[in-house]
C-alpha atoms as a PDB file:
ATOM      1  CA  MET A   1     -30.383  31.190 -22.389  1.00  0.00           C
ATOM      2  CA  SER A   2     -31.523  27.669 -23.201  1.00  0.00           C
ATOM      3  CA  PRO A   3     -32.582  26.646 -26.741  1.00  0.00           C
ATOM      4  CA  ALA A   4     -36.098  26.048 -25.469  1.00  0.00           C
ATOM      5  CA  ARG A   5     -36.494  29.629 -24.258  1.00  0.00           C
ATOM      6  CA  ARG A   6     -35.038  31.039 -27.467  1.00  0.00           C
ATOM      7  CA  SER A   7     -37.290  28.898 -29.662  1.00  0.00           C
ATOM      8  CA  GLY A   8     -40.406  29.959 -27.715  1.00  0.00           C
ATOM      9  CA  ARG A   9     -39.554  33.618 -28.248  1.00  0.00           C
ATOM     10  CA  ASN A  10     -38.900  33.104 -31.948  1.00  0.00           C
ATOM     11  CA  ALA A  11     -42.195  31.277 -32.358  1.00  0.00           C
ATOM     12  CA  ALA A  12     -44.095  34.228 -30.909  1.00  0.00           C
ATOM     13  CA  SER A  13     -42.527  36.574 -33.479  1.00  0.00           C
ATOM     14  CA  THR A  14     -43.316  34.530 -36.613  1.00  0.00           C
ATOM     15  CA  PRO A  15     -45.555  36.175 -39.237  1.00  0.00           C
ATOM     16  CA  ALA A  16     -49.285  35.807 -38.598  1.00  0.00           C
ATOM     17  CA  ARG A  17     -50.871  32.838 -40.327  1.00  0.00           C
ATOM     18  CA  ASP A  18     -54.265  31.210 -40.397  1.00  0.00           C
ATOM     19  CA  VAL A  19     -54.621  28.960 -37.343  1.00  0.00           C
ATOM     20  CA  HIS A  20     -58.377  28.470 -37.700  1.00  0.00           C
ATOM     21  CA  ASP A  21     -59.534  24.839 -37.925  1.00  0.00           C
ATOM     22  CA  PRO A  22     -63.099  24.769 -39.277  1.00  0.00           C
ATOM     23  CA  ASP A  23     -63.620  21.290 -37.829  1.00  0.00           C
ATOM     24  CA  GLY A  24     -62.255  22.246 -34.435  1.00  0.00           C
ATOM     25  CA  VAL A  25     -63.730  23.470 -31.134  1.00  0.00           C
ATOM     26  CA  ARG A  26     -64.318  27.146 -30.347  1.00  0.00           C
ATOM     27  CA  LEU A  27     -61.299  28.548 -28.555  1.00  0.00           C
ATOM     28  CA  GLN A  28     -63.325  29.987 -25.661  1.00  0.00           C
ATOM     29  CA  LYS A  29     -64.792  26.546 -24.986  1.00  0.00           C
ATOM     30  CA  VAL A  30     -61.315  24.991 -25.034  1.00  0.00           C
ATOM     31  CA  LEU A  31     -60.074  27.567 -22.520  1.00  0.00           C
ATOM     32  CA  ALA A  32     -63.110  27.114 -20.288  1.00  0.00           C
ATOM     33  CA  THR A  33     -62.527  23.352 -20.239  1.00  0.00           C
ATOM     34  CA  ALA A  34     -58.907  24.019 -19.277  1.00  0.00           C
ATOM     35  CA  GLY A  35     -60.033  25.983 -16.216  1.00  0.00           C
ATOM     36  CA  TYR A  36     -59.859  29.610 -17.327  1.00  0.00           C
ATOM     37  CA  GLY A  37     -63.375  30.433 -16.182  1.00  0.00           C
ATOM     38  CA  SER A  38     -66.727  30.693 -17.922  1.00  0.00           C
ATOM     39  CA  ARG A  39     -66.928  30.934 -21.696  1.00  0.00           C
ATOM     40  CA  ARG A  40     -67.767  34.628 -21.342  1.00  0.00           C
ATOM     41  CA  ALA A  41     -64.670  35.160 -19.212  1.00  0.00           C
ATOM     42  CA  CYS A  42     -62.601  33.273 -21.780  1.00  0.00           C
ATOM     43  CA  GLU A  43     -64.026  35.473 -24.568  1.00  0.00           C
ATOM     44  CA  ASP A  44     -62.745  38.496 -22.647  1.00  0.00           C
ATOM     45  CA  ILE A  45     -59.310  36.880 -22.344  1.00  0.00           C
ATOM     46  CA  ILE A  46     -59.209  36.300 -26.099  1.00  0.00           C
ATOM     47  CA  ALA A  47     -60.482  39.784 -26.982  1.00  0.00           C
ATOM     48  CA  ALA A  48     -57.805  41.302 -24.732  1.00  0.00           C
ATOM     49  CA  GLY A  49     -55.091  39.698 -26.875  1.00  0.00           C
ATOM     50  CA  ARG A  50     -53.816  37.437 -24.119  1.00  0.00           C
ATOM     51  CA  VAL A  51     -54.029  34.207 -26.126  1.00  0.00           C
ATOM     52  CA  GLU A  52     -51.663  32.706 -28.693  1.00  0.00           C
ATOM     53  CA  VAL A  53     -52.448  29.679 -30.862  1.00  0.00           C
ATOM     54  CA  ASP A  54     -49.475  27.970 -32.494  1.00  0.00           C
ATOM     55  CA  GLY A  55     -47.419  31.117 -31.921  1.00  0.00           C
ATOM     56  CA  VAL A  56     -50.027  33.500 -33.373  1.00  0.00           C
ATOM     57  CA  ARG A  57     -51.759  36.060 -31.150  1.00  0.00           C
ATOM     58  CA  VAL A  58     -55.523  35.845 -31.694  1.00  0.00           C
ATOM     59  CA  THR A  59     -58.379  38.154 -30.758  1.00  0.00           C
ATOM     60  CA  GLU A  60     -61.281  36.881 -32.866  1.00  0.00           C
ATOM     61  CA  LEU A  61     -63.990  35.001 -30.987  1.00  0.00           C
ATOM     62  CA  GLY A  62     -64.991  32.680 -33.819  1.00  0.00           C
ATOM     63  CA  LEU A  63     -61.659  30.872 -33.933  1.00  0.00           C
ATOM     64  CA  ARG A  64     -61.806  27.083 -33.743  1.00  0.00           C
ATOM     65  CA  VAL A  65     -58.869  24.833 -32.825  1.00  0.00           C
ATOM     66  CA  ASP A  66     -58.122  21.137 -32.568  1.00  0.00           C
ATOM     67  CA  PRO A  67     -57.444  20.526 -28.839  1.00  0.00           C
ATOM     68  CA  THR A  68     -55.368  17.453 -29.663  1.00  0.00           C
ATOM     69  CA  LYS A  69     -52.960  19.383 -31.884  1.00  0.00           C
ATOM     70  CA  ALA A  70     -53.079  23.117 -31.109  1.00  0.00           C
ATOM     71  CA  VAL A  71     -50.429  24.742 -28.917  1.00  0.00           C
ATOM     72  CA  VAL A  72     -52.198  27.404 -26.858  1.00  0.00           C
ATOM     73  CA  HIS A  73     -50.611  29.948 -24.508  1.00  0.00           C
ATOM     74  CA  VAL A  74     -52.373  32.409 -22.191  1.00  0.00           C
ATOM     75  CA  ASP A  75     -50.241  35.265 -20.890  1.00  0.00           C
ATOM     76  CA  GLY A  76     -47.191  33.395 -22.159  1.00  0.00           C
ATOM     77  CA  LEU A  77     -47.984  30.191 -20.251  1.00  0.00           C
ATOM     78  CA  ARG A  78     -48.748  26.933 -22.061  1.00  0.00           C
ATOM     79  CA  VAL A  79     -52.289  25.590 -21.578  1.00  0.00           C
ATOM     80  CA  GLN A  80     -52.581  21.839 -21.073  1.00  0.00           C
ATOM     81  CA  LEU A  81     -55.499  20.907 -23.321  1.00  0.00           C
ATOM     82  CA  ASP A  82     -55.313  17.144 -22.831  1.00  0.00           C
ATOM     83  CA  THR A  83     -57.342  16.500 -19.678  1.00  0.00           C
ATOM     84  CA  SER A  84     -56.061  12.920 -19.489  1.00  0.00           C
ATOM     85  CA  LEU A  85     -52.554  14.158 -18.641  1.00  0.00           C
ATOM     86  CA  VAL A  86     -51.612  14.980 -15.065  1.00  0.00           C
ATOM     87  CA  THR A  87     -48.435  16.001 -13.251  1.00  0.00           C
ATOM     88  CA  ILE A  88     -48.119  15.593  -9.502  1.00  0.00           C
ATOM     89  CA  ALA A  89     -45.696  16.918  -6.905  1.00  0.00           C
ATOM     90  CA  LEU A  90     -44.627  14.457  -4.186  1.00  0.00           C
ATOM     91  CA  ASN A  91     -42.604  15.180  -1.077  1.00  0.00           C
ATOM     92  CA  LYS A  92     -40.572  11.980  -1.214  1.00  0.00           C
ATOM     93  CA  PRO A  93     -39.747  10.763   2.287  1.00  0.00           C
ATOM     94  CA  LEU A  94     -36.322   9.601   3.383  1.00  0.00           C
ATOM     95  CA  GLY A  95     -35.621   5.928   2.649  1.00  0.00           C
ATOM     96  CA  VAL A  96     -37.945   5.657  -0.363  1.00  0.00           C
ATOM     97  CA  VAL A  97     -36.400   4.690  -3.719  1.00  0.00           C
ATOM     98  CA  SER A  98     -37.405   6.547  -6.891  1.00  0.00           C
ATOM     99  CA  SER A  99     -39.161   3.615  -8.507  1.00  0.00           C
ATOM    100  CA  MET A 100     -42.770   2.540  -8.945  1.00  0.00           C
ATOM    101  CA  HIS A 101     -41.767  -1.023  -8.099  1.00  0.00           C
ATOM    102  CA  ASP A 102     -38.556  -2.114  -6.418  1.00  0.00           C
ATOM    103  CA  ASP A 103     -37.363  -5.646  -7.150  1.00  0.00           C
ATOM    104  CA  GLU A 104     -35.466  -5.693  -3.852  1.00  0.00           C
ATOM    105  CA  GLY A 105     -38.560  -4.998  -1.814  1.00  0.00           C
ATOM    106  CA  ARG A 106     -37.474  -1.567  -0.604  1.00  0.00           C
ATOM    107  CA  PRO A 107     -40.097   1.149   0.003  1.00  0.00           C
ATOM    108  CA  ASP A 108     -41.024   2.676  -3.363  1.00  0.00           C
ATOM    109  CA  LEU A 109     -43.303   5.363  -4.778  1.00  0.00           C
ATOM    110  CA  SER A 110     -46.368   3.243  -5.511  1.00  0.00           C
ATOM    111  CA  PRO A 111     -48.170   3.683  -2.149  1.00  0.00           C
ATOM    112  CA  PHE A 112     -48.182   7.474  -2.542  1.00  0.00           C
ATOM    113  CA  VAL A 113     -50.213   7.337  -5.774  1.00  0.00           C
ATOM    114  CA  ALA A 114     -52.224   4.158  -5.130  1.00  0.00           C
ATOM    115  CA  ASP A 115     -55.458   6.159  -5.317  1.00  0.00           C
ATOM    116  CA  ARG A 116     -54.680   7.524  -8.791  1.00  0.00           C
ATOM    117  CA  SER A 117     -56.155   5.863 -11.867  1.00  0.00           C
ATOM    118  CA  GLU A 118     -53.423   7.162 -14.187  1.00  0.00           C
ATOM    119  CA  ARG A 119     -50.286   5.148 -14.919  1.00  0.00           C
ATOM    120  CA  LEU A 120     -47.734   7.568 -13.500  1.00  0.00           C
ATOM    121  CA  PHE A 121     -43.962   7.478 -13.674  1.00  0.00           C
ATOM    122  CA  HIS A 122     -41.335   9.515 -11.872  1.00  0.00           C
ATOM    123  CA  VAL A 123     -39.636  12.438 -13.606  1.00  0.00           C
ATOM    124  CA  GLY A 124     -35.961  12.144 -12.717  1.00  0.00           C
ATOM    125  CA  ARG A 125     -34.801  10.672  -9.439  1.00  0.00           C
ATOM    126  CA  LEU A 126     -33.954  11.348  -5.832  1.00  0.00           C
ATOM    127  CA  ASP A 127     -31.759   8.736  -4.168  1.00  0.00           C
ATOM    128  CA  ALA A 128     -33.143   6.887  -1.142  1.00  0.00           C
ATOM    129  CA  ASP A 129     -30.986   8.955   1.222  1.00  0.00           C
ATOM    130  CA  SER A 130     -32.448  12.213  -0.112  1.00  0.00           C
ATOM    131  CA  GLU A 131     -35.901  13.678   0.310  1.00  0.00           C
ATOM    132  CA  GLY A 132     -38.139  16.394  -1.048  1.00  0.00           C
ATOM    133  CA  LEU A 133     -39.732  17.384  -4.327  1.00  0.00           C
ATOM    134  CA  LEU A 134     -40.187  14.663  -6.943  1.00  0.00           C
ATOM    135  CA  LEU A 135     -42.511  15.052  -9.933  1.00  0.00           C
ATOM    136  CA  LEU A 136     -44.725  12.207 -11.157  1.00  0.00           C
ATOM    137  CA  SER A 137     -46.519  12.375 -14.495  1.00  0.00           C
ATOM    138  CA  ASN A 138     -48.132  10.478 -17.336  1.00  0.00           C
ATOM    139  CA  ASP A 139     -47.049  13.174 -19.814  1.00  0.00           C
ATOM    140  CA  GLY A 140     -44.143  11.557 -21.632  1.00  0.00           C
ATOM    141  CA  GLU A 141     -43.097  14.608 -23.647  1.00  0.00           C
ATOM    142  CA  LEU A 142     -42.982  16.848 -20.582  1.00  0.00           C
ATOM    143  CA  ALA A 143     -41.047  14.222 -18.614  1.00  0.00           C
ATOM    144  CA  ASN A 144     -38.507  13.743 -21.403  1.00  0.00           C
ATOM    145  CA  ARG A 145     -37.838  17.453 -21.683  1.00  0.00           C
ATOM    146  CA  LEU A 146     -37.563  17.972 -17.932  1.00  0.00           C
ATOM    147  CA  THR A 147     -34.858  15.328 -17.741  1.00  0.00           C
ATOM    148  CA  HIS A 148     -32.999  16.293 -20.934  1.00  0.00           C
ATOM    149  CA  PRO A 149     -29.809  18.344 -20.356  1.00  0.00           C
ATOM    150  CA  ARG A 150     -30.675  20.602 -23.297  1.00  0.00           C
ATOM    151  CA  TYR A 151     -33.384  22.427 -21.354  1.00  0.00           C
ATOM    152  CA  GLU A 152     -31.241  23.205 -18.299  1.00  0.00           C
ATOM    153  CA  VAL A 153     -34.064  22.961 -15.756  1.00  0.00           C
ATOM    154  CA  LEU A 154     -32.813  24.299 -12.438  1.00  0.00           C
ATOM    155  CA  LYS A 155     -33.152  22.210  -9.283  1.00  0.00           C
ATOM    156  CA  THR A 156     -32.768  23.695  -5.814  1.00  0.00           C
ATOM    157  CA  TYR A 157     -31.612  21.834  -2.702  1.00  0.00           C
ATOM    158  CA  LEU A 158     -31.081  22.482   0.985  1.00  0.00           C
ATOM    159  CA  ALA A 159     -27.985  20.554   2.045  1.00  0.00           C
ATOM    160  CA  THR A 160     -26.846  20.004   5.618  1.00  0.00           C
ATOM    161  CA  LEU A 161     -23.061  19.591   5.652  1.00  0.00           C
ATOM    162  CA  GLU A 162     -20.578  18.360   8.228  1.00  0.00           C
ATOM    163  CA  GLY A 163     -18.439  21.186   9.586  1.00  0.00           C
ATOM    164  CA  ARG A 164     -18.489  24.958   9.270  1.00  0.00           C
ATOM    165  CA  VAL A 165     -18.100  26.029   5.640  1.00  0.00           C
ATOM    166  CA  PRO A 166     -15.839  29.037   4.923  1.00  0.00           C
ATOM    167  CA  ASP A 167     -17.049  32.024   2.899  1.00  0.00           C
ATOM    168  CA  SER A 168     -14.531  31.100   0.211  1.00  0.00           C
ATOM    169  CA  LEU A 169     -16.482  27.928  -0.589  1.00  0.00           C
ATOM    170  CA  ARG A 170     -19.039  29.968  -2.510  1.00  0.00           C
ATOM    171  CA  ARG A 171     -16.501  31.013  -5.094  1.00  0.00           C
ATOM    172  CA  THR A 172     -15.289  27.427  -5.506  1.00  0.00           C
ATOM    173  CA  VAL A 173     -18.796  25.998  -5.916  1.00  0.00           C
ATOM    174  CA  LEU A 174     -19.840  28.637  -8.465  1.00  0.00           C
ATOM    175  CA  ARG A 175     -16.598  28.294 -10.411  1.00  0.00           C
ATOM    176  CA  GLY A 176     -16.957  24.510 -10.461  1.00  0.00           C
ATOM    177  CA  ILE A 177     -14.829  21.476  -9.754  1.00  0.00           C
ATOM    178  CA  GLU A 178     -13.931  18.307 -11.613  1.00  0.00           C
ATOM    179  CA  LEU A 179     -15.611  15.020 -10.679  1.00  0.00           C
ATOM    180  CA  GLU A 180     -14.775  11.600 -12.073  1.00  0.00           C
ATOM    181  CA  ASP A 181     -17.543  11.923 -14.677  1.00  0.00           C
ATOM    182  CA  GLY A 182     -16.871  15.545 -15.640  1.00  0.00           C
ATOM    183  CA  PRO A 183     -17.044  19.086 -14.281  1.00  0.00           C
ATOM    184  CA  VAL A 184     -19.872  20.371 -12.115  1.00  0.00           C
ATOM    185  CA  LYS A 185     -20.692  23.861 -10.916  1.00  0.00           C
ATOM    186  CA  ALA A 186     -23.578  25.485  -9.110  1.00  0.00           C
ATOM    187  CA  ASP A 187     -25.812  28.142 -10.636  1.00  0.00           C
ATOM    188  CA  HIS A 188     -26.561  29.551  -7.184  1.00  0.00           C
ATOM    189  CA  TYR A 189     -25.170  29.001  -3.682  1.00  0.00           C
ATOM    190  CA  ARG A 190     -25.770  30.634  -0.313  1.00  0.00           C
ATOM    191  CA  VAL A 191     -25.193  29.819   3.331  1.00  0.00           C
ATOM    192  CA  VAL A 192     -28.473  29.626   5.245  1.00  0.00           C
ATOM    193  CA  ASP A 193     -27.007  28.843   8.671  1.00  0.00           C
ATOM    194  CA  ARG A 194     -23.810  27.448  10.178  1.00  0.00           C
ATOM    195  CA  THR A 195     -22.324  26.389  13.478  1.00  0.00           C
ATOM    196  CA  PRO A 196     -18.892  24.968  14.298  1.00  0.00           C
ATOM    197  CA  GLN A 197     -20.367  21.475  13.811  1.00  0.00           C
ATOM    198  CA  GLN A 198     -22.475  21.825  10.669  1.00  0.00           C
ATOM    199  CA  SER A 199     -23.695  24.148   7.922  1.00  0.00           C
ATOM    200  CA  LEU A 200     -26.964  24.523   6.067  1.00  0.00           C
ATOM    201  CA  VAL A 201     -26.565  25.737   2.479  1.00  0.00           C
ATOM    202  CA  GLU A 202     -28.876  26.278  -0.469  1.00  0.00           C
ATOM    203  CA  ILE A 203     -27.533  25.167  -3.834  1.00  0.00           C
ATOM    204  CA  GLN A 204     -29.039  25.287  -7.303  1.00  0.00           C
ATOM    205  CA  LEU A 205     -27.884  23.291 -10.324  1.00  0.00           C
ATOM    206  CA  HIS A 206     -29.279  22.723 -13.812  1.00  0.00           C
ATOM    207  CA  GLU A 207     -28.160  19.117 -14.122  1.00  0.00           C
ATOM    208  CA  GLY A 208     -29.263  15.838 -12.606  1.00  0.00           C
ATOM    209  CA  ARG A 209     -26.336  13.446 -12.604  1.00  0.00           C
ATOM    210  CA  ASN A 210     -26.546  10.677 -10.014  1.00  0.00           C
ATOM    211  CA  ARG A 211     -25.886  11.990  -6.486  1.00  0.00           C
ATOM    212  CA  VAL A 212     -24.140  15.027  -7.974  1.00  0.00           C
ATOM    213  CA  VAL A 213     -24.773  17.335  -4.990  1.00  0.00           C
ATOM    214  CA  ARG A 214     -23.437  14.780  -2.533  1.00  0.00           C
ATOM    215  CA  ARG A 215     -20.389  14.068  -4.695  1.00  0.00           C
ATOM    216  CA  LEU A 216     -19.680  17.789  -5.117  1.00  0.00           C
ATOM    217  CA  PHE A 217     -19.535  18.476  -1.392  1.00  0.00           C
ATOM    218  CA  GLU A 218     -17.763  15.192  -0.649  1.00  0.00           C
ATOM    219  CA  GLU A 219     -14.989  16.295  -3.007  1.00  0.00           C
ATOM    220  CA  LEU A 220     -14.787  19.594  -1.094  1.00  0.00           C
ATOM    221  CA  ARG A 221     -14.473  17.717   2.246  1.00  0.00           C
ATOM    222  CA  PHE A 222     -17.897  18.749   3.546  1.00  0.00           C
ATOM    223  CA  PRO A 223     -20.004  15.548   3.448  1.00  0.00           C
ATOM    224  CA  VAL A 224     -23.774  15.902   3.139  1.00  0.00           C
ATOM    225  CA  THR A 225     -25.728  14.567   6.113  1.00  0.00           C
ATOM    226  CA  ARG A 226     -29.168  15.611   4.832  1.00  0.00           C
ATOM    227  CA  LEU A 227     -30.348  16.614   1.357  1.00  0.00           C
ATOM    228  CA  LEU A 228     -33.769  18.108   0.652  1.00  0.00           C
ATOM    229  CA  ARG A 229     -34.869  19.153  -2.853  1.00  0.00           C
ATOM    230  CA  THR A 230     -37.106  22.207  -2.599  1.00  0.00           C
ATOM    231  CA  GLN A 231     -37.707  23.235  -6.209  1.00  0.00           C
ATOM    232  CA  VAL A 232     -37.735  21.934  -9.792  1.00  0.00           C
ATOM    233  CA  GLY A 233     -37.934  24.767 -12.320  1.00  0.00           C
ATOM    234  CA  PRO A 234     -40.898  26.950 -11.265  1.00  0.00           C
ATOM    235  CA  VAL A 235     -42.405  24.221  -9.034  1.00  0.00           C
ATOM    236  CA  HIS A 236     -41.814  24.676  -5.296  1.00  0.00           C
ATOM    237  CA  LEU A 237     -42.098  22.056  -2.564  1.00  0.00           C
ATOM    238  CA  GLY A 238     -43.681  24.667  -0.322  1.00  0.00           C
ATOM    239  CA  ALA A 239     -45.528  23.357   2.732  1.00  0.00           C
ATOM    240  CA  LEU A 240     -46.165  19.899   1.259  1.00  0.00           C
ATOM    241  CA  LYS A 241     -45.553  17.347   4.015  1.00  0.00           C
ATOM    242  CA  PRO A 242     -43.437  14.196   3.556  1.00  0.00           C
ATOM    243  CA  GLY A 243     -45.430  11.468   1.846  1.00  0.00           C
ATOM    244  CA  ARG A 244     -48.100  13.849   0.590  1.00  0.00           C
ATOM    245  CA  THR A 245     -48.895  14.740  -3.023  1.00  0.00           C
ATOM    246  CA  ARG A 246     -50.637  17.529  -4.892  1.00  0.00           C
ATOM    247  CA  VAL A 247     -51.644  17.995  -8.521  1.00  0.00           C
ATOM    248  CA  LEU A 248     -49.869  20.938 -10.132  1.00  0.00           C
ATOM    249  CA  GLY A 249     -52.106  23.936 -10.599  1.00  0.00           C
ATOM    250  CA  ARG A 250     -52.954  25.404 -13.991  1.00  0.00           C
ATOM    251  CA  ASP A 251     -50.466  28.280 -13.914  1.00  0.00           C
ATOM    252  CA  GLU A 252     -47.777  26.195 -12.235  1.00  0.00           C
ATOM    253  CA  LEU A 253     -48.053  23.509 -14.901  1.00  0.00           C
ATOM    254  CA  GLY A 254     -48.138  26.129 -17.644  1.00  0.00           C
ATOM    255  CA  ALA A 255     -44.938  27.706 -16.330  1.00  0.00           C
ATOM    256  CA  LEU A 256     -43.276  24.283 -16.140  1.00  0.00           C
ATOM    257  CA  MET A 257     -44.248  23.474 -19.723  1.00  0.00           C
ATOM    258  CA  SER A 258     -43.039  26.852 -20.957  1.00  0.00           C
ATOM    259  CA  GLU A 259     -39.756  26.276 -19.122  1.00  0.00           C
ATOM    260  CA  VAL A 260     -38.995  23.411 -21.518  1.00  0.00           C
ATOM    261  CA  GLY A 261     -40.352  25.007 -24.672  1.00  0.00           C
ATOM    262  CA  LEU A 262     -43.747  23.315 -24.833  1.00  0.00           C
END
């Protein structure tokens, strides 16, 4: 279990303390602003004991909090209280570099978010030869944690490989192999389909070294001919078409933030 998950659990079990801020905003109003329904509906959520503020479960309706400082969870999921922050899922097309501006003039990410007023940056990378789920955000703390090895955020890929992979490859991939920059092993691996000419496999890893999936299978003599990232932590690519974006939903974002201990 990652340190982030352990620390979140410990925080929830700390002794109750006073989290009321007399100069703050009523908690039900904060939750309503965050999209949890009307103030009356948010009062019911609080009264039911579903809300934690700074690790303390609260049920009183008169509680006030500072939205710029308080850490609020509903049903264990972090609530994003800063409405200026946004995180977006993009289905990055093939041939696009993971950069907001490419000095070499190659296709970059900027056209896909040209209609957004926020100054967004990409969270991690997908090389130009790969496609699929890429997160864009203006939340620096979330981005830093998602890319930090400490939090072990899982990433899932569909890889098309040259040749028919044997059943024994699963054991090798899960056990791990040595690359020039250190060992790598998969957290999950399964064969989706295979023919004598090629194989389609699903692989999940918790690291993001440069081209690590391609280098893993290259070392095993099954070169990758197509690589599609389908998931980052709890965020799924789903039916999002290449070149299209969507803003992460409330629960989806909350799960992503909780994944990295926020």
